[in-house]
Amino acid sequence: EGNEIFFITARGFRENYYPYESSVKYLEDNNVEYDKVIINAKDKALACKEESIELFIDDSLKHVNAVSELGVPVLLFETNYNKDDKEFRHVTSWNEVYDVIKEMEK
């Protein structure tokens, strides 16, 4: 709906594992639309800066904190290991992410 979707993963190459191919296969097998997949992004904040990301969603407090320090709005995808965080806005489903994006566009 007018937004670009980038998937940024820290996954890197290892023997018999190809992160780009496996990520794309997963997205396509699950009918997830995307515009770009970025792999081996150990520093997701740097990747966000380089790609001019306007909203970052992740379940890692480390990455969400680093990206937020750039002034980029962030959403923390809630899991049992980050549910006690009080600093960031939590989301629990992709439908909720969609609603937040629609809210931001107003």
C-alpha atoms as a PDB file:
ATOM      1  CA  GLU A   1       0.000   0.000   0.000  1.00  0.00           C
ATOM      2  CA  GLY A   2       2.725   2.438  -0.934  1.00  0.00           C
ATOM      3  CA  ASN A   3       5.351   1.317   1.578  1.00  0.00           C
ATOM      4  CA  GLU A   4       8.526  -0.583   0.911  1.00  0.00           C
ATOM      5  CA  ILE A   5       9.231  -3.602   3.101  1.00  0.00           C
ATOM      6  CA  PHE A   6      12.837  -4.491   3.846  1.00  0.00           C
ATOM      7  CA  PHE A   7      13.809  -7.547   5.858  1.00  0.00           C
ATOM      8  CA  ILE A   8      17.083  -7.023   7.698  1.00  0.00           C
ATOM      9  CA  THR A   9      18.638 -10.082   9.273  1.00  0.00           C
ATOM     10  CA  ALA A  10      21.890 -10.652  11.118  1.00  0.00           C
ATOM     11  CA  ARG A  11      22.015 -14.179   9.735  1.00  0.00           C
ATOM     12  CA  GLY A  12      25.220 -14.789   7.851  1.00  0.00           C
ATOM     13  CA  PHE A  13      26.696 -17.493   5.682  1.00  0.00           C
ATOM     14  CA  ARG A  14      27.864 -20.725   7.240  1.00  0.00           C
ATOM     15  CA  GLU A  15      28.559 -24.135   5.833  1.00  0.00           C
ATOM     16  CA  ASN A  16      25.508 -25.415   3.964  1.00  0.00           C
ATOM     17  CA  TYR A  17      23.424 -22.386   4.971  1.00  0.00           C
ATOM     18  CA  TYR A  18      22.602 -19.599   2.579  1.00  0.00           C
ATOM     19  CA  PRO A  19      20.726 -16.895   4.491  1.00  0.00           C
ATOM     20  CA  TYR A  20      19.552 -14.881   1.497  1.00  0.00           C
ATOM     21  CA  GLU A  21      18.129 -17.876  -0.326  1.00  0.00           C
ATOM     22  CA  SER A  22      16.535 -19.378   2.782  1.00  0.00           C
ATOM     23  CA  SER A  23      15.006 -16.020   3.784  1.00  0.00           C
ATOM     24  CA  VAL A  24      13.566 -15.408   0.326  1.00  0.00           C
ATOM     25  CA  LYS A  25      12.223 -18.962   0.171  1.00  0.00           C
ATOM     26  CA  TYR A  26      10.504 -18.521   3.541  1.00  0.00           C
ATOM     27  CA  LEU A  27       8.948 -15.212   2.511  1.00  0.00           C
ATOM     28  CA  GLU A  28       7.762 -16.554  -0.823  1.00  0.00           C
ATOM     29  CA  ASP A  29       6.482 -19.837   0.650  1.00  0.00           C
ATOM     30  CA  ASN A  30       4.435 -17.803   3.140  1.00  0.00           C
ATOM     31  CA  ASN A  31       3.207 -15.216   0.614  1.00  0.00           C
ATOM     32  CA  VAL A  32       4.947 -12.361   2.406  1.00  0.00           C
ATOM     33  CA  GLU A  33       5.460  -9.339   0.204  1.00  0.00           C
ATOM     34  CA  TYR A  34       8.844  -7.648   0.404  1.00  0.00           C
ATOM     35  CA  ASP A  35      11.016  -5.271  -1.563  1.00  0.00           C
ATOM     36  CA  LYS A  36      14.480  -6.156  -0.294  1.00  0.00           C
ATOM     37  CA  VAL A  37      16.240  -8.695   1.937  1.00  0.00           C
ATOM     38  CA  ILE A  38      19.452  -7.628   3.652  1.00  0.00           C
ATOM     39  CA  ILE A  39      21.544 -10.371   5.237  1.00  0.00           C
ATOM     40  CA  ASN A  40      24.557 -10.450   7.566  1.00  0.00           C
ATOM     41  CA  ALA A  41      23.492  -7.145   9.139  1.00  0.00           C
ATOM     42  CA  LYS A  42      25.274  -7.483  12.461  1.00  0.00           C
ATOM     43  CA  ASP A  43      24.711  -3.734  12.923  1.00  0.00           C
ATOM     44  CA  LYS A  44      21.048  -3.292  12.039  1.00  0.00           C
ATOM     45  CA  ALA A  45      21.181   0.407  12.956  1.00  0.00           C
ATOM     46  CA  LEU A  46      23.809   0.965  10.262  1.00  0.00           C
ATOM     47  CA  ALA A  47      21.675  -0.945   7.745  1.00  0.00           C
ATOM     48  CA  CYS A  48      18.678   1.206   8.682  1.00  0.00           C
ATOM     49  CA  LYS A  49      20.712   4.363   8.234  1.00  0.00           C
ATOM     50  CA  GLU A  50      22.088   3.237   4.863  1.00  0.00           C
ATOM     51  CA  GLU A  51      18.619   2.294   3.610  1.00  0.00           C
ATOM     52  CA  SER A  52      16.816   5.345   5.086  1.00  0.00           C
ATOM     53  CA  ILE A  53      14.424   3.106   7.021  1.00  0.00           C
ATOM     54  CA  GLU A  54      11.435   5.043   8.369  1.00  0.00           C
ATOM     55  CA  LEU A  55      10.085   2.409  10.797  1.00  0.00           C
ATOM     56  CA  PHE A  56      11.989  -0.487  12.349  1.00  0.00           C
ATOM     57  CA  ILE A  57      10.375  -3.594  13.827  1.00  0.00           C
ATOM     58  CA  ASP A  58      12.379  -6.232  15.690  1.00  0.00           C
ATOM     59  CA  ASP A  59      12.175  -8.481  18.730  1.00  0.00           C
ATOM     60  CA  SER A  60      15.698  -7.665  19.898  1.00  0.00           C
ATOM     61  CA  LEU A  61      16.009  -4.904  22.489  1.00  0.00           C
ATOM     62  CA  LYS A  62      19.615  -4.435  21.420  1.00  0.00           C
ATOM     63  CA  HIS A  63      18.680  -3.653  17.815  1.00  0.00           C
ATOM     64  CA  VAL A  64      15.539  -1.667  18.665  1.00  0.00           C
ATOM     65  CA  ASN A  65      17.523   0.490  21.092  1.00  0.00           C
ATOM     66  CA  ALA A  66      20.338   1.129  18.599  1.00  0.00           C
ATOM     67  CA  VAL A  67      17.932   2.062  15.793  1.00  0.00           C
ATOM     68  CA  SER A  68      15.860   4.251  18.094  1.00  0.00           C
ATOM     69  CA  GLU A  69      19.011   6.208  18.976  1.00  0.00           C
ATOM     70  CA  LEU A  70      19.130   7.245  15.291  1.00  0.00           C
ATOM     71  CA  GLY A  71      15.725   8.855  15.707  1.00  0.00           C
ATOM     72  CA  VAL A  72      13.947   6.146  13.718  1.00  0.00           C
ATOM     73  CA  PRO A  73      10.568   5.108  15.149  1.00  0.00           C
ATOM     74  CA  VAL A  74      10.647   1.508  16.371  1.00  0.00           C
ATOM     75  CA  LEU A  75       8.222  -1.223  17.355  1.00  0.00           C
ATOM     76  CA  LEU A  76       9.269  -4.062  19.616  1.00  0.00           C
ATOM     77  CA  PHE A  77       7.745  -7.347  18.514  1.00  0.00           C
ATOM     78  CA  GLU A  78       6.919  -8.838  21.868  1.00  0.00           C
ATOM     79  CA  THR A  79       8.339 -12.179  22.960  1.00  0.00           C
ATOM     80  CA  ASN A  80       8.767 -13.813  26.341  1.00  0.00           C
ATOM     81  CA  TYR A  81      12.351 -12.474  26.595  1.00  0.00           C
ATOM     82  CA  ASN A  82      11.423  -8.799  26.051  1.00  0.00           C
ATOM     83  CA  LYS A  83       7.894  -8.531  27.449  1.00  0.00           C
ATOM     84  CA  ASP A  84       9.023  -6.647  30.567  1.00  0.00           C
ATOM     85  CA  ASP A  85      10.423  -3.737  28.552  1.00  0.00           C
ATOM     86  CA  LYS A  86       8.671  -0.451  29.316  1.00  0.00           C
ATOM     87  CA  GLU A  87      10.625   1.839  26.968  1.00  0.00           C
ATOM     88  CA  PHE A  88       9.326   0.847  23.548  1.00  0.00           C
ATOM     89  CA  ARG A  89       5.916   0.348  21.989  1.00  0.00           C
ATOM     90  CA  HIS A  90       5.162  -3.363  21.807  1.00  0.00           C
ATOM     91  CA  VAL A  91       3.276  -5.178  19.066  1.00  0.00           C
ATOM     92  CA  THR A  92       2.162  -8.791  19.151  1.00  0.00           C
ATOM     93  CA  SER A  93       0.981  -9.469  15.590  1.00  0.00           C
ATOM     94  CA  TRP A  94       1.514  -8.335  12.020  1.00  0.00           C
ATOM     95  CA  ASN A  95      -2.084  -7.099  11.989  1.00  0.00           C
ATOM     96  CA  GLU A  96      -1.194  -4.816  14.872  1.00  0.00           C
ATOM     97  CA  VAL A  97       1.886  -3.598  12.969  1.00  0.00           C
ATOM     98  CA  TYR A  98      -0.384  -2.805  10.021  1.00  0.00           C
ATOM     99  CA  ASP A  99      -2.710  -0.811  12.291  1.00  0.00           C
ATOM    100  CA  VAL A 100       0.226   1.147  13.749  1.00  0.00           C
ATOM    101  CA  ILE A 101       1.506   1.994  10.259  1.00  0.00           C
ATOM    102  CA  LYS A 102      -1.965   3.191   9.220  1.00  0.00           C
ATOM    103  CA  GLU A 103      -2.105   5.288  12.400  1.00  0.00           C
ATOM    104  CA  MET A 104       1.322   6.796  11.636  1.00  0.00           C
ATOM    105  CA  GLU A 105       0.241   7.724   8.108  1.00  0.00           C
ATOM    106  CA  LYS A 106      -2.571   9.953   9.407  1.00  0.00           C
END
